[in-house]
Amino acid sequence: MTTALTVSGKWLSQLAGYNPCYRCIWIGYNVRPLPYQMFPGIFSTIDSYNKKIVHAYIDEHGKLPDWLASLGSIDHYIKPPHYSKFSIFHEQSGITLRGEADGIFRMTDASLTIIDYKTSRYSTNQEYLLAGYEIQLNAYAFIANELGMGPVKHIALVYMEPLTEQSTIDEVDSVISQAGFLMQFQPKIVPVTLHPDKLIPNLLSKAQQVLQSPIAPNRSSTCKNCVAIDTLTEAAIQNPS
């Protein structure tokens, strides 16, 4: 019997880039929880607060904040559905694709714009990361279109870059209060190419090939993570409990 497969748009992004390691992708899906996985929760907290700020501003003023105005004129925002509802079954691959977008805006022309917030500094030397983000956002667009929420016409990354230069605290009294201190963030909008129908079905088919293997695929010759896994395995064999 074939095991039902479910992947997120974020997980699918691992198939991006040059020479992805299918062994690591297979292990990451089938071995849970993975050891030594730590992600600072503060980034999720900032992203969540970011969404609340934007939605509250729209509720108050009926438009996007000025620093998001280049996305276009909106009619209203859509509260991003939980991933359990923001999902579709792709019959050709037998995979359920799901996700949870950071921001979904209904524009005045009735189309959708979907964005993803990144609490980070943008750099043009992030080709691998940007390729993954492109897949993630196109996966959200693919889901929205399949659910009849669309049409999705625009997708974009919104980098929230922390301002930590000395010049931002020259007027120190303006950033310190009895409750603590304030940190400013400067947004940078990075448009992403929209081509969900061209990109996502092919990646789901590739995901099916990788994940339905009963054993882990061969490692990539250039994968540093595989070297670490093999080293860990050898150490465990030499020092059994």
Protein backbone atom coordinates (compact mmCIF):
# COMPACT_ATOMS: atom_id res chain seq x y z
CA MET A 1 0.00 0.00 0.00
CA THR A 2 1.32 3.43 -0.93
CA THR A 3 1.81 5.76 2.01
CA ALA A 4 0.02 9.09 1.72
CA LEU A 5 2.49 11.93 1.28
CA THR A 6 2.06 15.46 2.59
CA VAL A 7 4.58 18.25 2.09
CA SER A 8 4.63 21.96 2.79
CA GLY A 9 5.62 24.68 0.39
CA LYS A 10 8.60 25.37 2.63
CA TRP A 11 9.64 21.71 2.53
CA LEU A 12 9.28 21.66 -1.27
CA SER A 13 11.77 24.51 -1.50
CA GLN A 14 14.54 22.09 -0.54
CA LEU A 15 14.41 20.79 -4.11
CA ALA A 16 15.68 24.16 -5.34
CA GLY A 17 19.18 25.13 -6.22
CA TYR A 18 22.11 23.40 -7.83
CA ASN A 19 22.62 19.71 -7.03
CA PRO A 20 20.18 19.27 -4.11
CA CYS A 21 20.93 16.32 -1.82
CA TYR A 22 18.02 13.89 -2.13
CA ARG A 23 19.41 11.77 0.70
CA CYS A 24 19.13 14.69 3.14
CA ILE A 25 15.68 15.55 1.80
CA TRP A 26 14.53 11.94 2.30
CA ILE A 27 16.01 11.79 5.82
CA GLY A 28 14.47 15.15 6.77
CA TYR A 29 11.03 13.87 5.78
CA ASN A 30 11.20 10.34 7.20
CA VAL A 31 13.28 10.78 10.36
CA ARG A 32 11.43 12.94 12.87
CA PRO A 33 12.38 14.62 15.03
CA LEU A 34 15.85 15.21 13.72
CA PRO A 35 18.57 15.68 16.36
CA TYR A 36 20.29 19.00 16.98
CA GLN A 37 17.54 21.06 15.35
CA MET A 38 17.33 24.46 16.99
CA PHE A 39 15.62 27.54 15.57
CA PRO A 40 15.34 30.70 17.69
CA GLY A 41 11.66 31.35 18.34
CA ILE A 42 12.23 35.10 18.34
CA PHE A 43 12.10 35.19 14.53
CA SER A 44 8.64 33.59 14.47
CA THR A 45 7.54 36.04 17.16
CA ILE A 46 8.73 39.03 15.11
CA ASP A 47 7.07 37.71 11.93
CA SER A 48 3.80 37.17 13.80
CA TYR A 49 3.93 40.68 15.29
CA ASN A 50 4.71 42.06 11.83
CA LYS A 51 1.51 40.53 10.44
CA LYS A 52 -0.52 41.92 13.35
CA ILE A 53 0.89 45.42 12.80
CA VAL A 54 0.07 45.40 9.07
CA HIS A 55 -3.46 44.05 9.60
CA ALA A 56 -4.14 46.55 12.38
CA TYR A 57 -2.97 49.40 10.12
CA ILE A 58 -5.26 48.24 7.31
CA ASP A 59 -8.18 47.97 9.76
CA GLU A 60 -7.50 51.55 10.89
CA HIS A 61 -6.70 53.24 7.57
CA GLY A 62 -8.13 50.99 4.84
CA LYS A 63 -4.83 50.79 2.98
CA LEU A 64 -1.35 49.33 3.20
CA PRO A 65 1.32 51.15 5.21
CA ASP A 66 3.44 53.45 3.04
CA TRP A 67 6.35 51.02 3.14
CA LEU A 68 4.18 48.37 1.47
CA ALA A 69 2.34 50.72 -0.88
CA SER A 70 4.39 49.62 -3.90
CA LEU A 71 2.55 46.29 -3.77
CA GLY A 72 -0.48 48.12 -5.16
CA SER A 73 -3.91 49.20 -4.06
CA ILE A 74 -5.72 46.69 -1.85
CA ASP A 75 -9.38 46.16 -1.12
CA HIS A 76 -8.79 44.14 2.05
CA TYR A 77 -6.52 41.53 3.58
CA ILE A 78 -7.40 37.88 3.95
CA LYS A 79 -6.43 36.30 7.24
CA PRO A 80 -4.07 33.50 6.13
CA PRO A 81 -5.83 30.14 6.60
CA HIS A 82 -4.26 27.48 8.81
CA TYR A 83 -2.17 25.02 6.81
CA SER A 84 -4.73 22.29 7.46
CA LYS A 85 -7.21 24.27 5.33
CA PHE A 86 -4.74 25.94 2.97
CA SER A 87 -3.96 22.68 1.19
CA ILE A 88 -4.71 20.79 -2.01
CA PHE A 89 -4.30 17.21 -3.22
CA HIS A 90 -2.22 16.93 -6.39
CA GLU A 91 -3.62 13.87 -8.10
CA GLN A 92 -0.75 13.29 -10.54
CA SER A 93 1.86 12.96 -7.78
CA GLY A 94 -0.44 11.71 -5.04
CA ILE A 95 0.90 14.43 -2.74
CA THR A 96 -1.02 16.82 -0.52
CA LEU A 97 0.60 20.24 -0.69
CA ARG A 98 -0.03 22.67 2.15
CA GLY A 99 1.35 25.84 3.65
CA GLU A 100 0.61 28.99 5.61
CA ALA A 101 1.28 32.30 3.89
CA ASP A 102 2.35 35.34 5.90
CA GLY A 103 0.20 37.83 4.01
CA ILE A 104 -2.65 37.54 1.51
CA PHE A 105 -4.14 40.73 0.07
CA ARG A 106 -7.22 41.08 -2.14
CA MET A 107 -6.36 43.87 -4.56
CA THR A 108 -8.82 46.36 -5.98
CA ASP A 109 -8.86 44.43 -9.29
CA ALA A 110 -10.00 41.30 -7.34
CA SER A 111 -6.64 39.54 -7.80
CA LEU A 112 -4.47 38.28 -4.94
CA THR A 113 -1.01 39.34 -3.82
CA ILE A 114 0.80 36.89 -1.52
CA ILE A 115 3.84 37.92 0.51
CA ASP A 116 6.27 36.26 2.88
CA TYR A 117 8.07 38.19 5.63
CA LYS A 118 11.74 37.55 6.33
CA THR A 119 13.37 39.02 9.43
CA SER A 120 16.77 39.36 7.82
CA ARG A 121 18.99 41.60 5.74
CA TYR A 122 18.60 41.19 2.01
CA SER A 123 21.69 40.42 -0.02
CA THR A 124 22.08 39.81 -3.75
CA ASN A 125 24.43 36.91 -2.86
CA GLN A 126 21.54 34.72 -1.69
CA GLU A 127 20.82 32.82 -4.90
CA TYR A 128 20.17 29.51 -3.14
CA LEU A 129 17.89 31.05 -0.52
CA LEU A 130 16.02 33.12 -3.09
CA ALA A 131 15.45 30.05 -5.26
CA GLY A 132 13.91 28.30 -2.26
CA TYR A 133 11.74 31.29 -1.38
CA GLU A 134 10.57 31.43 -4.99
CA ILE A 135 9.32 27.85 -4.73
CA GLN A 136 7.67 28.50 -1.37
CA LEU A 137 5.73 31.52 -2.63
CA ASN A 138 4.78 29.83 -5.91
CA ALA A 139 3.51 26.87 -3.88
CA TYR A 140 1.23 29.26 -1.96
CA ALA A 141 0.05 30.75 -5.25
CA PHE A 142 -0.59 27.26 -6.64
CA ILE A 143 -2.67 26.33 -3.59
CA ALA A 144 -4.66 29.59 -3.64
CA ASN A 145 -5.45 29.20 -7.34
CA GLU A 146 -6.48 25.55 -6.93
CA LEU A 147 -8.76 26.47 -4.01
CA GLY A 148 -10.45 29.14 -6.12
CA MET A 149 -9.14 32.00 -3.99
CA GLY A 150 -7.24 33.60 -6.87
CA PRO A 151 -6.28 34.61 -9.36
CA VAL A 152 -2.89 35.27 -7.80
CA LYS A 153 -1.13 37.95 -9.84
CA HIS A 154 1.79 38.94 -7.63
CA ILE A 155 4.06 37.32 -5.05
CA ALA A 156 6.86 39.03 -3.14
CA LEU A 157 9.30 38.74 -0.27
CA VAL A 158 9.28 41.48 2.33
CA TYR A 159 12.60 41.65 4.16
CA MET A 160 12.39 43.36 7.53
CA GLU A 161 15.96 44.52 8.03
CA PRO A 162 16.91 45.43 11.62
CA LEU A 163 18.52 48.85 11.93
CA THR A 164 21.42 48.39 14.33
CA GLU A 165 23.89 51.04 13.15
CA GLN A 166 25.22 53.52 15.68
CA SER A 167 23.30 56.33 13.96
CA THR A 168 20.00 54.73 14.97
CA ILE A 169 20.82 55.14 18.66
CA ASP A 170 22.53 58.53 18.60
CA GLU A 171 19.31 59.91 20.10
CA VAL A 172 19.30 57.22 22.75
CA ASP A 173 16.39 58.67 24.70
CA SER A 174 14.14 58.09 21.69
CA VAL A 175 14.65 54.34 21.79
CA ILE A 176 14.71 53.70 25.54
CA SER A 177 11.72 53.74 27.87
CA GLN A 178 10.85 52.31 31.25
CA ALA A 179 9.52 49.21 29.48
CA GLY A 180 12.79 48.50 27.62
CA PHE A 181 14.10 49.65 24.25
CA LEU A 182 12.83 49.90 20.69
CA MET A 183 14.42 48.40 17.57
CA GLN A 184 13.54 49.77 14.15
CA PHE A 185 13.10 47.62 11.05
CA GLN A 186 13.49 48.82 7.49
CA PRO A 187 11.40 46.94 4.91
CA LYS A 188 12.68 45.95 1.49
CA ILE A 189 10.26 44.44 -1.04
CA VAL A 190 11.74 41.86 -3.41
CA PRO A 191 9.37 40.82 -6.23
CA VAL A 192 9.37 37.09 -7.05
CA THR A 193 8.66 35.55 -10.45
CA LEU A 194 5.16 34.06 -10.56
CA HIS A 195 4.95 30.75 -12.43
CA PRO A 196 3.20 28.21 -10.20
CA ASP A 197 1.74 26.02 -12.95
CA LYS A 198 5.15 25.64 -14.57
CA LEU A 199 7.15 25.15 -11.38
CA ILE A 200 5.11 23.33 -8.74
CA PRO A 201 3.72 20.21 -10.55
CA ASN A 202 7.22 19.25 -11.72
CA LEU A 203 8.60 19.63 -8.21
CA LEU A 204 5.77 17.56 -6.74
CA SER A 205 6.60 14.79 -9.21
CA LYS A 206 10.25 14.98 -8.18
CA ALA A 207 9.21 14.91 -4.51
CA GLN A 208 7.17 11.77 -5.19
CA GLN A 209 10.19 10.04 -6.73
CA VAL A 210 12.40 10.93 -3.77
CA LEU A 211 9.97 10.21 -0.94
CA GLN A 212 8.53 6.92 -2.21
CA SER A 213 11.96 5.31 -2.16
CA PRO A 214 11.96 2.64 0.62
CA ILE A 215 15.56 3.55 1.50
CA ALA A 216 17.47 6.80 1.50
CA PRO A 217 18.81 7.78 -1.94
CA ASN A 218 22.54 8.05 -2.55
CA ARG A 219 24.23 11.04 -1.00
CA SER A 220 25.39 14.02 -2.98
CA SER A 221 29.15 14.08 -3.41
CA THR A 222 29.25 17.72 -2.29
CA CYS A 223 26.82 17.55 0.66
CA LYS A 224 28.40 18.70 3.93
CA ASN A 225 25.39 17.52 5.90
CA CYS A 226 25.90 13.97 4.61
CA VAL A 227 29.52 14.08 5.77
CA ALA A 228 28.28 15.09 9.24
CA ILE A 229 25.66 12.31 9.24
CA ASP A 230 28.25 9.69 8.27
CA THR A 231 30.65 10.95 10.93
CA LEU A 232 27.89 10.80 13.54
CA THR A 233 26.92 7.27 12.45
CA GLU A 234 30.52 6.05 12.66
CA ALA A 235 30.90 7.55 16.14
CA ALA A 236 27.68 5.88 17.29
CA ILE A 237 28.85 2.47 15.99
CA GLN A 238 32.19 2.81 17.73
CA ASN A 239 30.56 3.89 20.99
CA PRO A 240 27.34 1.88 21.36
CA SER A 241 25.22 2.57 24.42
